[in-house]
Every structure is written in C-alpha cells, then in structure tokens.
Protein backbone atom coordinates (compact mmCIF):
# COMPACT_ATOMS: atom_id res chain seq x y z
CA MET A 1 11.44 5.85 -17.18
CA ARG A 2 8.96 8.68 -16.51
CA ARG A 3 9.31 8.52 -12.73
CA THR A 4 11.94 9.92 -10.40
CA ASP A 5 13.37 7.03 -8.38
CA THR A 6 13.18 8.28 -4.80
CA SER A 7 15.37 5.39 -3.61
CA GLY A 8 18.28 6.93 -5.54
CA LEU A 9 19.34 3.51 -6.86
CA THR A 10 18.50 4.18 -10.52
CA ILE A 11 18.03 6.99 -12.99
CA ALA A 12 15.64 7.06 -15.92
CA THR A 13 18.23 6.11 -18.54
CA ASP A 14 19.14 2.93 -16.63
CA TRP A 15 15.79 1.45 -17.66
CA GLN A 16 15.82 2.37 -21.34
CA PRO A 17 17.43 -0.81 -22.79
CA ALA A 18 15.12 -3.19 -20.89
CA CYS A 19 12.03 -1.10 -21.65
CA ALA A 20 12.91 -0.92 -25.35
CA ASP A 21 13.42 -4.69 -25.50
CA ALA A 22 10.10 -5.28 -23.71
CA LEU A 23 8.30 -3.13 -26.29
CA ARG A 24 9.89 -5.21 -29.06
CA GLY A 25 8.53 -8.39 -27.45
CA GLY A 26 11.73 -9.51 -25.77
CA ALA A 27 9.96 -10.09 -22.45
CA GLN A 28 8.01 -13.02 -23.90
CA ASP A 29 10.95 -15.22 -22.89
CA ALA A 30 10.95 -14.09 -19.28
CA VAL A 31 14.01 -16.03 -18.08
CA SER A 32 16.23 -14.74 -20.88
CA PHE A 33 14.82 -11.23 -20.51
CA PHE A 34 15.68 -10.92 -16.82
CA ARG A 35 19.09 -12.52 -17.28
CA ARG A 36 19.93 -10.17 -20.13
CA TRP A 37 18.96 -6.87 -18.57
CA PHE A 38 19.01 -7.21 -14.78
CA GLU A 39 21.28 -8.01 -11.86
CA ALA A 40 20.23 -8.90 -8.33
CA VAL A 41 21.13 -6.74 -5.33
CA GLN A 42 20.06 -6.86 -1.73
CA VAL A 43 19.05 -3.74 0.17
CA ALA A 44 20.54 -3.80 3.69
CA ASP A 45 20.67 -7.44 4.84
CA GLY A 46 17.96 -8.58 2.43
CA ARG A 47 15.93 -10.24 5.19
CA ALA A 48 12.34 -9.78 4.07
CA PHE A 49 8.90 -9.88 5.63
CA ALA A 50 5.86 -10.10 3.36
CA THR A 51 2.16 -9.85 4.06
CA GLY A 52 -0.72 -9.94 1.58
CA TYR A 53 -3.53 -7.74 0.34
CA TYR A 54 -6.50 -8.21 -1.96
CA ILE A 55 -9.57 -6.43 -3.32
CA PRO A 56 -12.37 -6.91 -0.80
CA GLU A 57 -16.06 -6.88 -1.60
CA ILE A 58 -18.39 -5.59 1.09
CA LYS A 59 -22.09 -4.78 1.35
CA GLY A 60 -23.28 -1.21 1.11
CA SER A 61 -25.64 1.34 -0.33
CA ARG A 62 -25.68 4.58 -2.29
CA GLN A 63 -28.17 5.95 0.24
CA PRO A 64 -27.79 6.36 4.02
CA ARG A 65 -29.30 3.50 6.02
CA ARG A 66 -29.60 2.78 9.71
CA GLY A 67 -26.34 1.29 11.02
CA TYR A 68 -24.40 2.02 7.80
CA VAL A 69 -21.23 4.17 7.86
CA PRO A 70 -20.12 6.72 5.24
CA ILE A 71 -17.39 6.09 2.68
CA TYR A 72 -15.67 9.43 2.16
CA GLY A 73 -14.00 10.97 -0.83
CA ARG A 74 -11.13 13.46 -0.55
CA PRO A 75 -12.03 16.32 1.82
CA THR A 76 -12.11 19.76 0.25
CA ASP A 77 -9.95 21.22 3.03
CA LEU A 78 -7.24 18.55 3.03
CA ILE A 79 -3.90 20.10 2.06
CA GLU A 80 -0.96 18.05 0.74
CA VAL A 81 2.46 19.68 0.96
CA ASP A 82 5.41 18.44 -1.10
CA LEU A 83 8.32 19.19 1.24
CA GLY A 84 10.81 18.62 -1.58
CA ALA A 85 9.65 21.91 -3.10
CA PHE A 86 11.09 23.69 -0.06
CA SER A 87 14.39 21.85 0.32
CA PRO A 88 16.15 19.05 -1.60
CA THR A 89 16.88 17.35 1.73
CA TRP A 90 13.13 16.65 2.01
CA ALA A 91 12.76 15.27 -1.52
CA GLY A 92 10.06 12.63 -1.76
CA LYS A 93 8.45 13.59 1.56
CA LYS A 94 4.93 14.94 1.97
CA ILE A 95 2.77 16.07 4.84
CA ARG A 96 -1.00 16.45 4.94
CA GLY A 97 -3.07 18.75 7.09
CA ARG A 98 -5.62 21.57 7.11
CA VAL A 99 -5.30 25.30 7.39
CA GLN A 100 -6.59 26.83 10.61
CA GLY A 101 -6.10 30.57 10.78
CA GLN A 102 -2.62 31.08 9.35
CA ALA A 103 -1.21 27.73 10.45
CA LEU A 104 -1.17 24.26 8.93
CA GLN A 105 -2.58 21.82 11.47
CA PRO A 106 -2.68 18.00 11.46
CA TYR A 107 -5.81 16.71 9.75
CA PHE A 108 -8.64 15.10 11.71
CA ASP A 109 -7.82 11.62 12.98
CA ARG A 110 -10.00 8.51 12.74
CA THR A 111 -11.92 9.23 15.94
CA ALA A 112 -12.80 12.79 14.94
CA ILE A 113 -13.85 11.66 11.45
CA GLU A 114 -16.08 8.88 12.77
CA GLU A 115 -17.67 11.39 15.15
CA GLY A 116 -18.66 13.69 12.28
CA ALA A 117 -15.74 16.06 11.71
CA LEU A 118 -16.10 15.71 7.93
CA ASN A 119 -19.71 16.88 7.72
CA GLY A 120 -19.79 19.32 4.82
CA ARG A 121 -16.08 18.83 4.13
CA ALA A 122 -16.07 15.66 2.02
CA ARG A 123 -18.29 13.98 -0.54
CA VAL A 124 -19.89 10.73 0.59
CA LEU A 125 -19.40 8.13 -2.15
CA GLY A 126 -21.67 5.58 -0.49
CA TYR A 127 -22.33 3.79 2.76
CA ALA A 128 -20.85 0.55 4.12
CA ALA A 129 -23.06 -1.90 5.99
CA ASP A 130 -20.22 -2.98 8.31
CA ALA A 131 -17.72 -0.59 9.94
CA VAL A 132 -15.20 -3.41 10.50
CA GLU A 133 -15.29 -4.42 6.83
CA LEU A 134 -14.83 -0.77 5.81
CA PHE A 135 -11.85 -0.50 8.16
CA PHE A 136 -10.14 -3.41 6.41
CA LEU A 137 -11.12 -2.10 2.99
CA GLN A 138 -9.17 1.03 3.94
CA VAL A 139 -6.20 -1.16 4.85
CA GLN A 140 -6.41 -2.89 1.45
CA GLY A 141 -6.72 0.43 -0.37
CA SER A 142 -9.45 -0.45 -2.87
CA GLY A 143 -12.53 -2.60 -3.14
CA PHE A 144 -16.02 -3.29 -4.42
CA ILE A 145 -19.22 -2.20 -2.68
CA ARG A 146 -22.07 -4.60 -3.47
CA LEU A 147 -25.00 -2.17 -3.43
CA ASP A 148 -28.36 -2.94 -1.85
CA GLU A 149 -29.96 -1.12 -4.78
CA GLY A 150 -28.20 -3.42 -7.22
CA GLY A 151 -24.88 -3.12 -8.99
CA VAL A 152 -21.37 -2.51 -7.72
CA LEU A 153 -19.55 0.65 -6.64
CA ARG A 154 -15.82 0.33 -7.33
CA ILE A 155 -13.58 2.53 -5.21
CA GLY A 156 -9.84 3.05 -4.99
CA TYR A 157 -7.37 4.91 -2.82
CA ASP A 158 -7.29 8.67 -3.36
CA THR A 159 -5.38 10.01 -0.36
CA GLN A 160 -4.99 9.70 3.40
CA ASN A 161 -5.32 12.05 6.38
CA GLY A 162 -1.57 12.22 7.06
CA ARG A 163 -1.68 10.40 10.38
CA ASP A 164 0.66 7.45 11.00
CA TYR A 165 -0.67 3.97 10.35
CA THR A 166 -0.89 1.63 13.34
CA GLY A 167 -1.42 -2.08 12.75
CA ILE A 168 -4.12 -3.22 15.17
CA GLY A 169 -3.18 -6.89 14.85
CA ALA A 170 0.10 -6.29 16.65
CA LEU A 171 -1.69 -4.27 19.34
CA MET A 172 -4.23 -7.02 19.93
CA LYS A 173 -1.59 -9.71 20.03
CA SER A 174 0.55 -7.78 22.53
CA ARG A 175 -2.48 -7.39 24.79
CA GLY A 176 -3.31 -11.09 24.71
CA LEU A 177 -6.62 -10.55 22.92
CA LEU A 178 -5.89 -13.06 20.16
CA GLY A 179 -5.56 -16.75 20.87
CA PRO A 180 -3.64 -19.37 18.86
CA GLY A 181 -4.51 -19.17 15.17
CA GLN A 182 -6.37 -15.85 15.54
CA SER A 183 -3.59 -13.55 14.31
CA THR A 184 -4.82 -13.71 10.71
CA MET A 185 -7.05 -11.03 9.24
CA GLN A 186 -9.98 -13.41 9.49
CA GLY A 187 -9.30 -13.98 13.20
CA ILE A 188 -9.00 -10.26 13.89
CA VAL A 189 -12.28 -9.52 12.06
CA ALA A 190 -14.07 -12.23 14.05
CA TRP A 191 -12.80 -10.77 17.35
CA LEU A 192 -13.83 -7.23 16.41
CA HIS A 193 -17.32 -8.41 15.50
CA ALA A 194 -17.61 -10.34 18.77
CA HIS A 195 -16.46 -7.34 20.86
CA PRO A 196 -18.00 -4.27 19.15
CA GLU A 197 -17.26 -1.64 21.80
CA GLU A 198 -13.69 -2.76 22.50
CA GLY A 199 -13.20 -3.29 18.78
CA ARG A 200 -14.23 0.27 17.92
CA ALA A 201 -11.74 1.62 20.46
CA ILE A 202 -8.93 -0.54 19.08
CA MET A 203 -9.63 0.45 15.48
CA ARG A 204 -9.49 4.11 16.54
CA GLU A 205 -5.95 3.57 17.81
CA ASN A 206 -5.07 3.48 14.12
CA ARG A 207 -5.41 7.23 13.59
CA SER A 208 -4.81 6.92 9.85
CA TYR A 209 -7.90 7.30 7.65
CA VAL A 210 -8.12 6.60 3.90
CA PHE A 211 -10.24 8.60 1.44
CA PHE A 212 -11.44 7.02 -1.80
CA ARG A 213 -12.39 7.93 -5.32
CA GLU A 214 -14.88 6.16 -7.54
CA LEU A 215 -13.26 4.02 -10.22
CA SER A 216 -14.48 3.46 -13.74
CA GLY A 217 -11.85 0.83 -14.52
CA ALA A 218 -9.67 -1.71 -12.75
CA PRO A 219 -8.11 -0.80 -9.37
CA GLN A 220 -4.74 0.88 -9.75
CA GLY A 221 -1.57 0.96 -7.69
CA ALA A 222 0.79 3.82 -6.90
CA LEU A 223 2.22 3.69 -10.43
CA GLY A 224 -1.17 4.59 -11.86
CA LEU A 225 -1.41 1.17 -13.52
CA PRO A 226 -3.86 -1.70 -12.88
CA VAL A 227 -2.66 -4.08 -10.16
CA SER A 228 -2.34 -7.79 -11.01
CA GLY A 229 -2.98 -10.65 -8.62
CA GLY A 230 0.09 -12.82 -8.07
CA ALA A 231 2.34 -10.22 -9.71
CA THR A 232 1.95 -6.79 -8.04
CA LEU A 233 3.98 -6.00 -4.95
CA ALA A 234 3.74 -3.03 -2.59
CA ALA A 235 7.11 -1.75 -1.37
CA ASP A 236 8.67 1.28 0.29
CA PRO A 237 9.83 3.56 -2.58
CA LYS A 238 12.54 5.00 -0.34
CA PHE A 239 14.36 1.69 -0.75
CA VAL A 240 12.89 -0.05 -3.82
CA PRO A 241 12.37 1.73 -7.16
CA LEU A 242 8.71 1.64 -8.17
CA GLY A 243 8.48 -0.51 -11.28
CA ALA A 244 11.45 -2.69 -10.33
CA PRO A 245 11.19 -6.49 -10.29
CA VAL A 246 11.69 -8.06 -6.86
CA PHE A 247 12.56 -11.74 -6.39
CA LEU A 248 11.25 -13.21 -3.13
CA SER A 249 12.60 -16.45 -1.64
CA MET A 250 10.34 -17.01 1.36
CA ASP A 251 9.21 -19.69 3.80
CA ARG A 252 5.81 -19.77 2.04
CA GLY A 253 5.90 -21.20 -1.45
CA ASP A 254 2.99 -19.12 -2.75
CA ALA A 255 4.98 -15.91 -2.08
CA ASN A 256 8.08 -17.05 -3.98
CA GLY A 257 9.11 -15.76 -7.38
CA ILE A 258 9.34 -12.48 -9.25
CA TRP A 259 6.97 -9.65 -8.34
CA ILE A 260 6.81 -6.09 -9.66
CA ALA A 261 6.88 -3.15 -7.23
CA GLN A 262 3.80 -1.32 -8.51
CA ASP A 263 2.26 -0.12 -5.27
CA THR A 264 2.89 1.40 -1.84
CA GLY A 265 1.11 1.21 1.51
CA GLY A 266 0.86 3.07 4.80
CA ALA A 267 2.11 0.01 6.70
CA ILE A 268 4.78 -0.92 4.14
CA LYS A 269 7.81 0.86 5.51
CA GLY A 270 11.43 -0.25 5.51
CA SER A 271 14.04 -1.72 3.21
CA ASN A 272 12.64 -5.25 2.96
CA ARG A 273 8.98 -4.90 3.93
CA PHE A 274 6.61 -6.06 1.19
CA ASP A 275 2.90 -6.64 0.60
CA THR A 276 1.91 -9.20 -2.04
CA PHE A 277 -1.28 -8.63 -4.02
CA TRP A 278 -3.65 -11.56 -4.71
CA GLY A 279 -6.58 -10.13 -6.66
CA ALA A 280 -10.25 -10.42 -5.70
CA GLY A 281 -12.56 -13.15 -4.40
CA GLU A 282 -12.65 -15.58 -1.50
CA GLU A 283 -9.45 -17.41 -2.46
CA ALA A 284 -7.56 -14.11 -2.64
CA ARG A 285 -9.01 -13.11 0.73
CA ALA A 286 -7.92 -16.40 2.30
CA ILE A 287 -4.37 -16.21 0.95
CA ALA A 288 -3.85 -12.49 1.66
CA GLY A 289 -5.45 -12.66 5.10
CA GLY A 290 -3.13 -15.43 6.23
CA MET A 291 0.03 -14.25 4.48
CA SER A 292 2.97 -13.81 6.82
CA ALA A 293 6.16 -14.88 5.11
CA ARG A 294 9.82 -14.42 5.99
CA GLY A 295 12.87 -14.97 3.86
CA THR A 296 15.15 -13.11 1.47
CA ALA A 297 14.47 -10.39 -1.09
CA PHE A 298 16.53 -9.52 -4.15
CA VAL A 299 15.81 -6.30 -6.04
CA LEU A 300 16.51 -6.65 -9.76
CA LEU A 301 18.19 -3.50 -11.03
CA PRO A 302 19.17 -2.69 -14.63
CA ARG A 303 22.72 -3.88 -15.28
CA GLY A 304 25.29 -1.21 -14.54
CA SER A 305 23.04 0.91 -12.32
CA TYR A 306 24.40 -0.54 -9.09
CA GLU A 307 28.03 0.20 -10.00
CA ARG A 308 27.07 3.72 -11.04
CA TRP A 309 25.20 4.21 -7.74
CA ARG A 310 28.07 2.71 -5.72
CA ALA A 311 30.61 5.00 -7.41
CA GLY A 312 28.42 7.97 -6.61
CA GLN A 313 28.23 6.96 -2.96
CA ALA A 314 32.00 6.55 -2.77
CA SER A 315 32.57 9.98 -4.29
CA VAL A 316 30.64 11.65 -1.46
CA GLY A 317 32.10 9.45 1.25
CA SER A 318 28.86 7.58 2.04
CA THR A 319 28.68 3.94 3.10
CA PRO A 320 26.80 2.00 0.39
CA ARG A 321 23.45 0.71 1.64
CA PRO A 322 22.77 -2.25 -0.74
C-alpha cells in the first residue's frame, strides 16, 4: 500500500482489504484468502518465460591478492536521475550517468571499469578469487563471499551503471559456442573457465555492471524485504505490480504455483518475463542454473481493481492491455 504501482493496474486503496485481513491472520488459510480477495488476469497474451536465480557463494578476501578482482560499492560520482520529476510521461523511468563538465554522460561500462576506471571513485568491499563467479554473482544480484581470512562477507545489490544488460548465454548460443546441454548457467561457466581470453571478451559484451553494498541481514529484493526461496519472483514493474501474487502454470513442475513479485532484474523485461528465486546452496544453484520454463502466467489483482482500471482506459480511449 505504500508503493506507487508503476504498472498502473492498481492503486494503494485496492490492497487495503487483503492487507488488513492478512494482518488479522486471514492468510493462514491460503486457498480461502486468495479466493476471497483476488481475481486472476493475464497481461497481454499471458505466455510466460521464467528463469531462476539464487544466492551464490564464492571465494574471496578482504585484502587484495594476486589474481583476485575487486568488488565495488556505489561510485561517488554515479548520478541517478528520476525522469518522472521532469515530466509525468517519464514516470517510473531513471537514467544513470556521471557529470563531465556541464553535461551528464553515460557511466563507465564493464570494460572501462575492469581496466581501472573506478580507481578512487568507489569503495572496494572485498576481492573475488574468480572473475567469472563474480560476473554471475552480479547477475544474481546478491551473494556470500567466503573469506580467506575466515568468515563471510554478505553483499547485496545497491545500484547499476545504467548500461543495458546483455545476456551472454544467448550470444554464445547464437555463435555456436555451446554444445548440447551446455546452455545452462553451469555449462556457460565451464566454457568461460576453459576459454579465459574469449570468455573475458564475451563477458564484456554485457556492458552492465552492478555495484554492491554490505549487508548486515538477509538479502533483500526491490521491495526492501528479505527474499524467500521458492516464493519470491522477479518481474518487470511496468507490467506487474510489485507485491502482487503471480500464479505460474509452466512446463516445469518446480516453477508452478503462486509466487510473490518482490524483486526486479536488469534482464527481466516485458509483460510475462519472470525470474524465480530458489535461495542459497548447491541445490538452489542447480535448480536456478537450469531453470528455463515456458507456460502461462496469471497476475492476481485485488478484486475490483481490474474493472476500475478497464473503465479508466475506456474513458481515455485506450485499448486495455490485460
């Protein structure tokens, strides 16, 4: 209720009855709760594609070591601009960059950062023993660094350099670099390790770069709440209200059921593109790394919100999207 729904499908008051019932304990009977307060709609054609993510654990150090790569916090010169403050037509859109002279320029891309562009511009939280593992930790958005000195450094997503995300798996597949059964995350990691020079160049084709912050508690999603394995879903907030339940009916049984849209992701763009969260550990890594499910998605909206939204679209002459 405290968030502005950038999808435009709901307003804060739509959620009040369900939230009040949940606080009274009504959600303990989940089936009755969802039947009572929600109705299912499909955005666009409802045809969904879901991948998976998890909390990786990689080796690292607090101190620089030969062959280790830095894990950066938010740069001091990174500027985030809320375009909605300039025009309502840009509501919900942001750009990131840096000031050079009197102009806002795109921020350094992955190649420039790896070649030292951030020296003196960003705090180093620690150092990763493996550049490939750090790359995929950036894709996941949070993780644990098992420190050589002992203990664990927990890090989570803070911000990003503003460059578009490019999925390297699709690039590698289109170039014939991955054989049968190698299109999983595990297969991609193995190829990158086996071909370090070519792998570095391919990873740099993803110009997006993630900056982290040190966490004192559990990893959190875009809602500012802890993410839950088997329950949290990343979605595109332009189409799915953050906090909304989403029912997936997919060709992989482990992806089926009700998820909650609590997170976002640089690669999660579009009306029915989702990323399912599986927690931490080797089992979570195996499931998330091999997750590629197709099927149908239903967004559960508070009863009455769809009709209100549809009436509003009709009044301005727009063609309803859901």
